[in-house]
C-alpha atoms as a PDB file:
ATOM      1  CA  MET A   1       0.128  -0.077  -0.042  1.00  0.00           C
ATOM      2  CA  PHE A   2       2.831   2.442   1.059  1.00  0.00           C
ATOM      3  CA  ILE A   3       4.392   1.729  -2.441  1.00  0.00           C
ATOM      4  CA  ASN A   4       1.135   2.515  -4.214  1.00  0.00           C
ATOM      5  CA  ARG A   5       1.120   5.804  -2.573  1.00  0.00           C
ATOM      6  CA  ILE A   6       4.508   7.103  -3.755  1.00  0.00           C
ATOM      7  CA  ASN A   7       3.989   9.392  -6.762  1.00  0.00           C
ATOM      8  CA  LYS A   8       6.294   7.747  -9.080  1.00  0.00           C
ATOM      9  CA  GLU A   9       6.442  10.777 -11.401  1.00  0.00           C
ATOM     10  CA  ASN A  10       8.953  12.206  -8.819  1.00  0.00           C
ATOM     11  CA  CYS A  11      11.110   9.218  -8.707  1.00  0.00           C
ATOM     12  CA  GLY A  12      13.682  10.417 -11.184  1.00  0.00           C
ATOM     13  CA  TYR A  13      14.807  13.281  -9.116  1.00  0.00           C
ATOM     14  CA  PHE A  14      15.835  10.740  -6.282  1.00  0.00           C
ATOM     15  CA  PHE A  15      18.160   9.430  -8.931  1.00  0.00           C
ATOM     16  CA  ILE A  16      19.625  12.654 -10.093  1.00  0.00           C
ATOM     17  CA  ALA A  17      19.843  14.041  -6.766  1.00  0.00           C
ATOM     18  CA  PRO A  18      23.306  12.681  -5.728  1.00  0.00           C
ATOM     19  CA  PHE A  19      24.821  14.185  -8.817  1.00  0.00           C
ATOM     20  CA  PHE A  20      23.656  17.608  -7.940  1.00  0.00           C
ATOM     21  CA  ILE A  21      24.472  17.617  -4.226  1.00  0.00           C
ATOM     22  CA  VAL A  22      28.205  16.430  -5.216  1.00  0.00           C
ATOM     23  CA  PHE A  23      28.177  19.375  -7.772  1.00  0.00           C
ATOM     24  CA  LEU A  24      26.882  21.966  -5.419  1.00  0.00           C
ATOM     25  CA  LEU A  25      29.524  20.874  -2.771  1.00  0.00           C
ATOM     26  CA  PHE A  26      32.709  20.213  -4.849  1.00  0.00           C
ATOM     27  CA  GLY A  27      31.888  22.082  -7.956  1.00  0.00           C
ATOM     28  CA  LEU A  28      29.734  25.183  -7.663  1.00  0.00           C
ATOM     29  CA  TYR A  29      30.753  26.074  -4.094  1.00  0.00           C
ATOM     30  CA  PRO A  30      34.304  26.221  -4.837  1.00  0.00           C
ATOM     31  CA  ILE A  31      33.888  28.221  -7.982  1.00  0.00           C
ATOM     32  CA  LEU A  32      31.821  30.912  -6.218  1.00  0.00           C
ATOM     33  CA  TYR A  33      34.163  30.837  -3.366  1.00  0.00           C
ATOM     34  CA  SER A  34      37.126  31.439  -5.676  1.00  0.00           C
ATOM     35  CA  PHE A  35      35.418  34.443  -7.202  1.00  0.00           C
ATOM     36  CA  TYR A  36      34.999  35.818  -3.505  1.00  0.00           C
ATOM     37  CA  LEU A  37      38.879  35.298  -3.022  1.00  0.00           C
ATOM     38  CA  SER A  38      39.389  37.227  -6.341  1.00  0.00           C
ATOM     39  CA  LEU A  39      37.895  40.191  -4.737  1.00  0.00           C
ATOM     40  CA  THR A  40      40.138  40.341  -1.921  1.00  0.00           C
ATOM     41  CA  ASN A  41      43.928  40.273  -0.793  1.00  0.00           C
ATOM     42  CA  TRP A  42      44.475  37.013   1.037  1.00  0.00           C
ATOM     43  CA  ASP A  43      47.888  35.208   2.031  1.00  0.00           C
ATOM     44  CA  GLY A  44      46.166  32.065   2.938  1.00  0.00           C
ATOM     45  CA  LEU A  45      46.744  32.439   6.580  1.00  0.00           C
ATOM     46  CA  ASN A  46      45.171  35.793   7.811  1.00  0.00           C
ATOM     47  CA  ASP A  47      41.699  36.827   7.224  1.00  0.00           C
ATOM     48  CA  PRO A  48      40.876  37.918   3.578  1.00  0.00           C
ATOM     49  CA  GLU A  49      40.616  41.721   2.918  1.00  0.00           C
ATOM     50  CA  PHE A  50      38.129  42.756   0.483  1.00  0.00           C
ATOM     51  CA  ILE A  51      39.457  44.992  -2.208  1.00  0.00           C
ATOM     52  CA  GLY A  52      36.769  44.870  -5.000  1.00  0.00           C
ATOM     53  CA  PHE A  53      37.939  44.798  -8.604  1.00  0.00           C
ATOM     54  CA  ALA A  54      41.488  45.710  -7.975  1.00  0.00           C
ATOM     55  CA  ASN A  55      42.958  42.608  -8.642  1.00  0.00           C
ATOM     56  CA  TYR A  56      41.323  42.582 -12.275  1.00  0.00           C
ATOM     57  CA  THR A  57      42.439  46.037 -12.995  1.00  0.00           C
ATOM     58  CA  ARG A  58      45.741  45.002 -11.986  1.00  0.00           C
ATOM     59  CA  ALA A  59      45.778  41.786 -13.981  1.00  0.00           C
ATOM     60  CA  ILE A  60      44.818  43.990 -17.130  1.00  0.00           C
ATOM     61  CA  ILE A  61      47.959  45.968 -17.116  1.00  0.00           C
ATOM     62  CA  ASP A  62      50.257  43.037 -15.443  1.00  0.00           C
ATOM     63  CA  PRO A  63      52.838  42.695 -18.251  1.00  0.00           C
ATOM     64  CA  LEU A  64      54.107  38.999 -17.006  1.00  0.00           C
ATOM     65  CA  PHE A  65      50.318  37.966 -17.145  1.00  0.00           C
ATOM     66  CA  LEU A  66      49.743  39.202 -20.563  1.00  0.00           C
ATOM     67  CA  GLN A  67      53.150  37.748 -21.738  1.00  0.00           C
ATOM     68  CA  SER A  68      52.172  34.342 -20.099  1.00  0.00           C
ATOM     69  CA  LEU A  69      48.808  34.712 -22.231  1.00  0.00           C
ATOM     70  CA  PHE A  70      50.597  35.328 -25.467  1.00  0.00           C
ATOM     71  CA  ASN A  71      52.970  32.484 -24.729  1.00  0.00           C
ATOM     72  CA  THR A  72      49.991  30.265 -23.947  1.00  0.00           C
ATOM     73  CA  PHE A  73      48.177  30.909 -27.403  1.00  0.00           C
ATOM     74  CA  PHE A  74      51.385  30.835 -29.352  1.00  0.00           C
ATOM     75  CA  ILE A  75      52.371  27.479 -28.048  1.00  0.00           C
ATOM     76  CA  TRP A  76      48.683  26.281 -28.552  1.00  0.00           C
ATOM     77  CA  ILE A  77      48.160  27.500 -32.220  1.00  0.00           C
ATOM     78  CA  VAL A  78      51.616  26.171 -33.062  1.00  0.00           C
ATOM     79  CA  SER A  79      50.685  22.626 -31.717  1.00  0.00           C
ATOM     80  CA  VAL A  80      47.091  22.559 -32.522  1.00  0.00           C
ATOM     81  CA  ILE A  81      47.181  23.231 -36.304  1.00  0.00           C
ATOM     82  CA  PRO A  82      49.494  20.274 -37.152  1.00  0.00           C
ATOM     83  CA  GLN A  83      47.909  18.221 -34.532  1.00  0.00           C
ATOM     84  CA  LEU A  84      44.348  18.375 -36.160  1.00  0.00           C
ATOM     85  CA  THR A  85      45.481  18.307 -39.667  1.00  0.00           C
ATOM     86  CA  VAL A  86      47.969  15.311 -39.135  1.00  0.00           C
ATOM     87  CA  SER A  87      45.239  13.364 -36.934  1.00  0.00           C
ATOM     88  CA  LEU A  88      42.796  13.956 -39.735  1.00  0.00           C
ATOM     89  CA  VAL A  89      44.967  12.529 -42.459  1.00  0.00           C
ATOM     90  CA  LEU A  90      45.828   9.416 -40.370  1.00  0.00           C
ATOM     91  CA  ALA A  91      42.409   9.029 -39.434  1.00  0.00           C
ATOM     92  CA  VAL A  92      41.284   8.852 -43.266  1.00  0.00           C
ATOM     93  CA  ILE A  93      44.184   6.296 -43.883  1.00  0.00           C
ATOM     94  CA  LEU A  94      43.418   4.091 -41.053  1.00  0.00           C
ATOM     95  CA  THR A  95      39.548   3.668 -41.742  1.00  0.00           C
ATOM     96  CA  ASN A  96      40.573   2.360 -45.176  1.00  0.00           C
ATOM     97  CA  LYS A  97      39.047  -1.056 -44.991  1.00  0.00           C
ATOM     98  CA  PHE A  98      41.778  -2.506 -47.180  1.00  0.00           C
ATOM     99  CA  LEU A  99      44.657  -1.534 -45.142  1.00  0.00           C
ATOM    100  CA  LYS A 100      46.205  -4.383 -43.105  1.00  0.00           C
ATOM    101  CA  GLY A 101      47.374  -3.939 -39.367  1.00  0.00           C
ATOM    102  CA  LYS A 102      45.463  -0.610 -38.923  1.00  0.00           C
ATOM    103  CA  ASP A 103      44.402  -1.698 -35.318  1.00  0.00           C
ATOM    104  CA  PHE A 104      48.042  -1.947 -34.628  1.00  0.00           C
ATOM    105  CA  PHE A 105      48.985   1.458 -35.920  1.00  0.00           C
ATOM    106  CA  ARG A 106      45.864   3.101 -34.072  1.00  0.00           C
ATOM    107  CA  ALA A 107      47.352   1.708 -31.004  1.00  0.00           C
ATOM    108  CA  VAL A 108      50.991   2.958 -31.636  1.00  0.00           C
ATOM    109  CA  TYR A 109      49.798   6.416 -32.334  1.00  0.00           C
ATOM    110  CA  PHE A 110      47.595   6.640 -29.262  1.00  0.00           C
ATOM    111  CA  PHE A 111      50.342   5.188 -27.074  1.00  0.00           C
ATOM    112  CA  PRO A 112      51.893   8.965 -26.283  1.00  0.00           C
ATOM    113  CA  ASN A 113      48.449   9.865 -24.793  1.00  0.00           C
ATOM    114  CA  ILE A 114      48.754   7.393 -22.242  1.00  0.00           C
ATOM    115  CA  VAL A 115      52.307   8.729 -21.109  1.00  0.00           C
ATOM    116  CA  THR A 116      51.819  11.480 -18.439  1.00  0.00           C
ATOM    117  CA  ALA A 117      52.525  15.001 -19.501  1.00  0.00           C
ATOM    118  CA  ALA A 118      54.968  15.559 -16.618  1.00  0.00           C
ATOM    119  CA  SER A 119      57.104  12.479 -17.837  1.00  0.00           C
ATOM    120  CA  LEU A 120      57.295  13.722 -21.283  1.00  0.00           C
ATOM    121  CA  GLY A 121      58.341  17.133 -20.123  1.00  0.00           C
ATOM    122  CA  LEU A 122      61.202  15.735 -18.062  1.00  0.00           C
ATOM    123  CA  LEU A 123      62.235  13.296 -20.712  1.00  0.00           C
ATOM    124  CA  VAL A 124      62.571  15.960 -23.292  1.00  0.00           C
ATOM    125  CA  SER A 125      64.329  18.180 -20.663  1.00  0.00           C
ATOM    126  CA  LEU A 126      67.115  15.498 -20.319  1.00  0.00           C
ATOM    127  CA  MET A 127      67.198  15.078 -24.133  1.00  0.00           C
ATOM    128  CA  PHE A 128      67.844  18.639 -24.916  1.00  0.00           C
ATOM    129  CA  ASP A 129      70.223  19.309 -21.842  1.00  0.00           C
ATOM    130  CA  TRP A 130      73.183  21.439 -22.721  1.00  0.00           C
ATOM    131  CA  GLN A 131      76.072  19.055 -21.298  1.00  0.00           C
ATOM    132  CA  THR A 132      74.434  15.668 -21.152  1.00  0.00           C
ATOM    133  CA  GLY A 133      71.476  15.528 -23.386  1.00  0.00           C
ATOM    134  CA  SER A 134      71.478  12.893 -25.876  1.00  0.00           C
ATOM    135  CA  VAL A 135      70.517  15.442 -28.744  1.00  0.00           C
ATOM    136  CA  ASN A 136      73.714  17.018 -28.481  1.00  0.00           C
ATOM    137  CA  GLN A 137      75.801  13.905 -27.991  1.00  0.00           C
ATOM    138  CA  LEU A 138      74.183  12.529 -31.245  1.00  0.00           C
ATOM    139  CA  LEU A 139      74.739  15.546 -33.340  1.00  0.00           C
ATOM    140  CA  MET A 140      78.357  15.787 -32.421  1.00  0.00           C
ATOM    141  CA  SER A 141      79.103  12.117 -32.859  1.00  0.00           C
ATOM    142  CA  ILE A 142      77.886  12.247 -36.318  1.00  0.00           C
ATOM    143  CA  GLY A 143      79.921  15.545 -37.169  1.00  0.00           C
ATOM    144  CA  PHE A 144      76.867  17.711 -37.507  1.00  0.00           C
ATOM    145  CA  LEU A 145      77.842  20.041 -34.406  1.00  0.00           C
ATOM    146  CA  ASP A 146      81.314  20.983 -33.333  1.00  0.00           C
ATOM    147  CA  GLN A 147      80.102  21.987 -29.872  1.00  0.00           C
ATOM    148  CA  ALA A 148      77.192  21.543 -27.693  1.00  0.00           C
ATOM    149  CA  ILE A 149      74.217  23.997 -28.250  1.00  0.00           C
ATOM    150  CA  ASP A 150      72.367  25.460 -25.430  1.00  0.00           C
ATOM    151  CA  TRP A 151      68.904  24.663 -26.502  1.00  0.00           C
ATOM    152  CA  LYS A 152      67.213  25.878 -23.553  1.00  0.00           C
ATOM    153  CA  ASN A 153      68.520  29.533 -23.832  1.00  0.00           C
ATOM    154  CA  ASN A 154      66.693  30.141 -27.049  1.00  0.00           C
ATOM    155  CA  PRO A 155      63.241  31.603 -26.199  1.00  0.00           C
ATOM    156  CA  LEU A 156      61.524  30.509 -29.710  1.00  0.00           C
ATOM    157  CA  PHE A 157      63.123  27.095 -29.848  1.00  0.00           C
ATOM    158  CA  MET A 158      61.729  26.421 -26.485  1.00  0.00           C
ATOM    159  CA  GLN A 159      58.253  27.504 -27.231  1.00  0.00           C
ATOM    160  CA  MET A 160      58.487  25.238 -30.452  1.00  0.00           C
ATOM    161  CA  LEU A 161      59.665  22.379 -28.223  1.00  0.00           C
ATOM    162  CA  VAL A 162      56.603  22.884 -25.888  1.00  0.00           C
ATOM    163  CA  SER A 163      54.432  23.011 -28.965  1.00  0.00           C
ATOM    164  CA  ALA A 164      56.039  19.768 -30.315  1.00  0.00           C
ATOM    165  CA  ILE A 165      55.695  17.977 -26.839  1.00  0.00           C
ATOM    166  CA  LEU A 166      51.815  18.883 -27.134  1.00  0.00           C
ATOM    167  CA  PHE A 167      51.492  17.595 -30.623  1.00  0.00           C
ATOM    168  CA  PHE A 168      53.395  14.427 -29.874  1.00  0.00           C
ATOM    169  CA  GLN A 169      51.139  13.690 -26.988  1.00  0.00           C
ATOM    170  CA  TYR A 170      47.662  14.584 -28.330  1.00  0.00           C
ATOM    171  CA  PHE A 171      47.789  13.793 -31.952  1.00  0.00           C
ATOM    172  CA  GLY A 172      46.805  10.121 -31.532  1.00  0.00           C
ATOM    173  CA  TYR A 173      43.981  11.170 -29.317  1.00  0.00           C
ATOM    174  CA  SER A 174      42.679  13.527 -31.844  1.00  0.00           C
ATOM    175  CA  MET A 175      42.882  10.696 -34.627  1.00  0.00           C
ATOM    176  CA  LEU A 176      40.580   8.427 -32.544  1.00  0.00           C
ATOM    177  CA  ILE A 177      38.004  11.079 -32.427  1.00  0.00           C
ATOM    178  CA  TYR A 178      38.218  11.576 -36.075  1.00  0.00           C
ATOM    179  CA  ILE A 179      38.002   7.904 -36.743  1.00  0.00           C
ATOM    180  CA  ALA A 180      34.954   7.666 -34.638  1.00  0.00           C
ATOM    181  CA  GLY A 181      33.545  10.658 -36.791  1.00  0.00           C
ATOM    182  CA  LEU A 182      34.545   8.871 -39.973  1.00  0.00           C
ATOM    183  CA  GLN A 183      32.968   5.685 -39.156  1.00  0.00           C
ATOM    184  CA  GLY A 184      29.662   7.422 -38.539  1.00  0.00           C
ATOM    185  CA  ILE A 185      29.590   8.617 -42.066  1.00  0.00           C
ATOM    186  CA  SER A 186      27.636   6.340 -44.527  1.00  0.00           C
ATOM    187  CA  PRO A 187      29.689   5.017 -47.356  1.00  0.00           C
ATOM    188  CA  GLU A 188      26.997   5.595 -49.716  1.00  0.00           C
ATOM    189  CA  TYR A 189      27.920   9.278 -49.942  1.00  0.00           C
ATOM    190  CA  ALA A 190      31.210   8.464 -51.319  1.00  0.00           C
ATOM    191  CA  GLU A 191      29.940   5.700 -53.381  1.00  0.00           C
ATOM    192  CA  ALA A 192      27.474   7.949 -55.104  1.00  0.00           C
ATOM    193  CA  ALA A 193      30.009  10.597 -55.683  1.00  0.00           C
ATOM    194  CA  LYS A 194      32.326   8.033 -57.476  1.00  0.00           C
ATOM    195  CA  VAL A 195      29.442   7.203 -59.662  1.00  0.00           C
ATOM    196  CA  ASP A 196      29.237  11.007 -60.786  1.00  0.00           C
ATOM    197  CA  GLY A 197      32.925  10.950 -61.287  1.00  0.00           C
ATOM    198  CA  ALA A 198      34.367  12.584 -58.261  1.00  0.00           C
ATOM    199  CA  SER A 199      37.916  11.895 -57.394  1.00  0.00           C
ATOM    200  CA  LYS A 200      39.262  10.941 -53.952  1.00  0.00           C
ATOM    201  CA  THR A 201      40.473  14.417 -53.259  1.00  0.00           C
ATOM    202  CA  GLN A 202      37.085  16.015 -54.167  1.00  0.00           C
ATOM    203  CA  ILE A 203      35.343  13.234 -51.976  1.00  0.00           C
ATOM    204  CA  PHE A 204      37.366  14.158 -49.088  1.00  0.00           C
ATOM    205  CA  PHE A 205      36.979  18.195 -49.380  1.00  0.00           C
ATOM    206  CA  LYS A 206      33.516  18.140 -50.761  1.00  0.00           C
ATOM    207  CA  ILE A 207      31.919  15.349 -48.561  1.00  0.00           C
ATOM    208  CA  THR A 208      33.843  14.127 -45.888  1.00  0.00           C
ATOM    209  CA  VAL A 209      35.366  17.411 -44.323  1.00  0.00           C
ATOM    210  CA  PRO A 210      31.783  19.088 -44.462  1.00  0.00           C
ATOM    211  CA  LEU A 211      30.183  16.075 -42.579  1.00  0.00           C
ATOM    212  CA  LEU A 212      32.987  16.201 -40.195  1.00  0.00           C
ATOM    213  CA  LYS A 213      32.274  19.874 -39.139  1.00  0.00           C
ATOM    214  CA  PRO A 214      30.602  18.855 -35.896  1.00  0.00           C
ATOM    215  CA  ILE A 215      33.625  16.826 -35.046  1.00  0.00           C
ATOM    216  CA  ILE A 216      36.169  19.503 -35.862  1.00  0.00           C
ATOM    217  CA  ILE A 217      34.293  22.093 -33.986  1.00  0.00           C
ATOM    218  CA  PHE A 218      34.561  19.667 -30.830  1.00  0.00           C
ATOM    219  CA  GLN A 219      38.181  19.328 -31.541  1.00  0.00           C
ATOM    220  CA  VAL A 220      39.067  22.772 -31.718  1.00  0.00           C
ATOM    221  CA  ILE A 221      37.060  23.855 -28.563  1.00  0.00           C
ATOM    222  CA  THR A 222      38.179  21.074 -26.348  1.00  0.00           C
ATOM    223  CA  SER A 223      41.980  21.769 -27.501  1.00  0.00           C
ATOM    224  CA  LEU A 224      41.458  25.290 -26.897  1.00  0.00           C
ATOM    225  CA  ILE A 225      40.178  24.501 -23.207  1.00  0.00           C
ATOM    226  CA  GLY A 226      43.173  22.135 -22.628  1.00  0.00           C
ATOM    227  CA  GLY A 227      45.648  24.487 -24.459  1.00  0.00           C
ATOM    228  CA  VAL A 228      44.897  27.393 -22.036  1.00  0.00           C
ATOM    229  CA  GLN A 229      45.410  24.951 -19.140  1.00  0.00           C
ATOM    230  CA  ILE A 230      49.070  24.134 -20.412  1.00  0.00           C
ATOM    231  CA  PHE A 231      51.185  23.454 -17.034  1.00  0.00           C
ATOM    232  CA  ASP A 232      53.101  20.031 -16.861  1.00  0.00           C
ATOM    233  CA  GLN A 233      55.190  19.912 -20.048  1.00  0.00           C
ATOM    234  CA  PRO A 234      56.764  23.542 -19.690  1.00  0.00           C
ATOM    235  CA  TYR A 235      57.037  23.336 -15.874  1.00  0.00           C
ATOM    236  CA  MET A 236      58.996  20.203 -15.967  1.00  0.00           C
ATOM    237  CA  LEU A 237      60.815  21.348 -19.085  1.00  0.00           C
ATOM    238  CA  THR A 238      62.150  24.305 -17.407  1.00  0.00           C
ATOM    239  CA  GLU A 239      61.900  23.298 -13.817  1.00  0.00           C
ATOM    240  CA  GLY A 240      59.150  25.759 -13.188  1.00  0.00           C
ATOM    241  CA  SER A 241      61.274  28.750 -14.157  1.00  0.00           C
ATOM    242  CA  GLY A 242      59.500  29.607 -17.481  1.00  0.00           C
ATOM    243  CA  SER A 243      62.850  30.347 -18.900  1.00  0.00           C
ATOM    244  CA  PRO A 244      64.429  31.762 -21.042  1.00  0.00           C
ATOM    245  CA  ASN A 245      63.044  35.220 -20.485  1.00  0.00           C
ATOM    246  CA  HIS A 246      59.773  33.886 -19.353  1.00  0.00           C
ATOM    247  CA  ALA A 247      59.303  32.731 -22.925  1.00  0.00           C
ATOM    248  CA  THR A 248      57.589  29.436 -21.695  1.00  0.00           C
ATOM    249  CA  LEU A 249      55.680  30.934 -18.772  1.00  0.00           C
ATOM    250  CA  THR A 250      52.057  29.803 -19.497  1.00  0.00           C
ATOM    251  CA  SER A 251      49.196  31.317 -17.826  1.00  0.00           C
ATOM    252  CA  VAL A 252      48.435  28.284 -15.385  1.00  0.00           C
ATOM    253  CA  MET A 253      52.250  28.429 -14.567  1.00  0.00           C
ATOM    254  CA  TYR A 254      51.854  31.991 -13.604  1.00  0.00           C
ATOM    255  CA  LEU A 255      48.851  31.310 -11.666  1.00  0.00           C
ATOM    256  CA  TYR A 256      50.698  28.602  -9.809  1.00  0.00           C
ATOM    257  CA  ARG A 257      53.713  30.669  -9.072  1.00  0.00           C
ATOM    258  CA  THR A 258      51.401  33.572  -7.865  1.00  0.00           C
ATOM    259  CA  ALA A 259      49.111  31.696  -5.615  1.00  0.00           C
ATOM    260  CA  PHE A 260      51.153  28.865  -4.031  1.00  0.00           C
ATOM    261  CA  GLU A 261      55.004  30.085  -4.557  1.00  0.00           C
ATOM    262  CA  GLN A 262      54.490  33.690  -3.553  1.00  0.00           C
ATOM    263  CA  GLY A 263      51.241  33.435  -1.468  1.00  0.00           C
ATOM    264  CA  ARG A 264      49.088  35.904  -3.269  1.00  0.00           C
ATOM    265  CA  PHE A 265      45.777  33.585  -3.421  1.00  0.00           C
ATOM    266  CA  GLY A 266      43.609  36.503  -4.172  1.00  0.00           C
ATOM    267  CA  TYR A 267      45.492  37.681  -7.253  1.00  0.00           C
ATOM    268  CA  GLY A 268      45.914  33.892  -8.225  1.00  0.00           C
ATOM    269  CA  ALA A 269      41.926  33.485  -7.990  1.00  0.00           C
ATOM    270  CA  THR A 270      41.683  36.408 -10.397  1.00  0.00           C
ATOM    271  CA  ILE A 271      44.055  35.063 -12.684  1.00  0.00           C
ATOM    272  CA  ALA A 272      41.879  31.883 -12.728  1.00  0.00           C
ATOM    273  CA  PHE A 273      38.699  33.704 -13.550  1.00  0.00           C
ATOM    274  CA  CYS A 274      40.295  35.573 -16.273  1.00  0.00           C
ATOM    275  CA  LEU A 275      41.322  32.373 -17.937  1.00  0.00           C
ATOM    276  CA  PHE A 276      37.772  31.224 -17.362  1.00  0.00           C
ATOM    277  CA  VAL A 277      36.586  34.290 -19.356  1.00  0.00           C
ATOM    278  CA  VAL A 278      39.065  33.993 -22.121  1.00  0.00           C
ATOM    279  CA  ILE A 279      38.250  30.230 -22.434  1.00  0.00           C
ATOM    280  CA  VAL A 280      34.425  30.784 -22.577  1.00  0.00           C
ATOM    281  CA  SER A 281      34.769  33.769 -24.972  1.00  0.00           C
ATOM    282  CA  LEU A 282      37.140  31.848 -27.690  1.00  0.00           C
ATOM    283  CA  SER A 283      34.891  28.912 -27.324  1.00  0.00           C
ATOM    284  CA  VAL A 284      31.695  30.684 -28.113  1.00  0.00           C
ATOM    285  CA  ILE A 285      33.464  32.690 -30.942  1.00  0.00           C
ATOM    286  CA  SER A 286      34.874  29.505 -32.493  1.00  0.00           C
ATOM    287  CA  TYR A 287      31.438  27.835 -32.386  1.00  0.00           C
ATOM    288  CA  LEU A 288      29.676  30.923 -33.916  1.00  0.00           C
ATOM    289  CA  VAL A 289      32.433  31.236 -36.621  1.00  0.00           C
ATOM    290  CA  SER A 290      32.149  27.442 -37.515  1.00  0.00           C
ATOM    291  CA  ARG A 291      28.147  27.643 -37.656  1.00  0.00           C
ATOM    292  CA  ASN A 292      28.049  30.793 -39.822  1.00  0.00           C
ATOM    293  CA  ARG A 293      30.593  29.191 -42.345  1.00  0.00           C
ATOM    294  CA  SER A 294      28.328  26.045 -42.546  1.00  0.00           C
ATOM    295  CA  LYS A 295      25.172  28.177 -43.105  1.00  0.00           C
ATOM    296  CA  ILE A 296      27.135  30.176 -45.966  1.00  0.00           C
ATOM    297  CA  ALA A 297      28.374  26.863 -47.509  1.00  0.00           C
END
């Protein structure tokens, strides 16, 4: 009798309640509290001192924060363009039904994504060490160099090196996402185009790529979110210094240095919210631009 009295239309709320409770406690509350901290001057020990939007005013004119933003987006752009391009080409090749051993190659290309970012950063740091690095030793042994090169003292090279690490680690993941998208495209489109005399190149650019636009938008937005949060690779590569001349200092590295090394938690929370605004703004712009282009096409 008691079971019959229960309003079964509201039973669904009991199943979704745990998620919302956990989100409110460990998701929304920390976000709101961090925003409050961004309006204060707090060293982590004493009571926060409310200062309004002074931290945000400071962030706008902070040259080191602005440089870290530039470094972050430069490294991301240099890595994401070849990453999404190469992964798409590999995905098309590895979805060919006549290719043998494609499962093996998929696993090999995805393997770098399993390795932790900190491990890759440390490994590359050891490889390009000035005195004991294997790169200098190899180039000198084959006579390509007369003396060791201090790779870590070249700002542009270090930025390109971080981009190369990001490309190496994530191109396999992007490839699998593209493969999933390609497998969702009906082969009847390509077969109909072949009957009409279309070449493989025309099929790829006129049929495959347009049908993959939702996947491409997803890849761009997710890579943007991840790119703005670059931390492990440059931190391990430069031992947290962001050298040379702050060329590899990313925004999250600057946030970590400000909050946890210098004890300025209020200003660190401000940097975090500035990054949040940047990520949301660029994600919305990327979505709108892609949607408008698809409508025009």
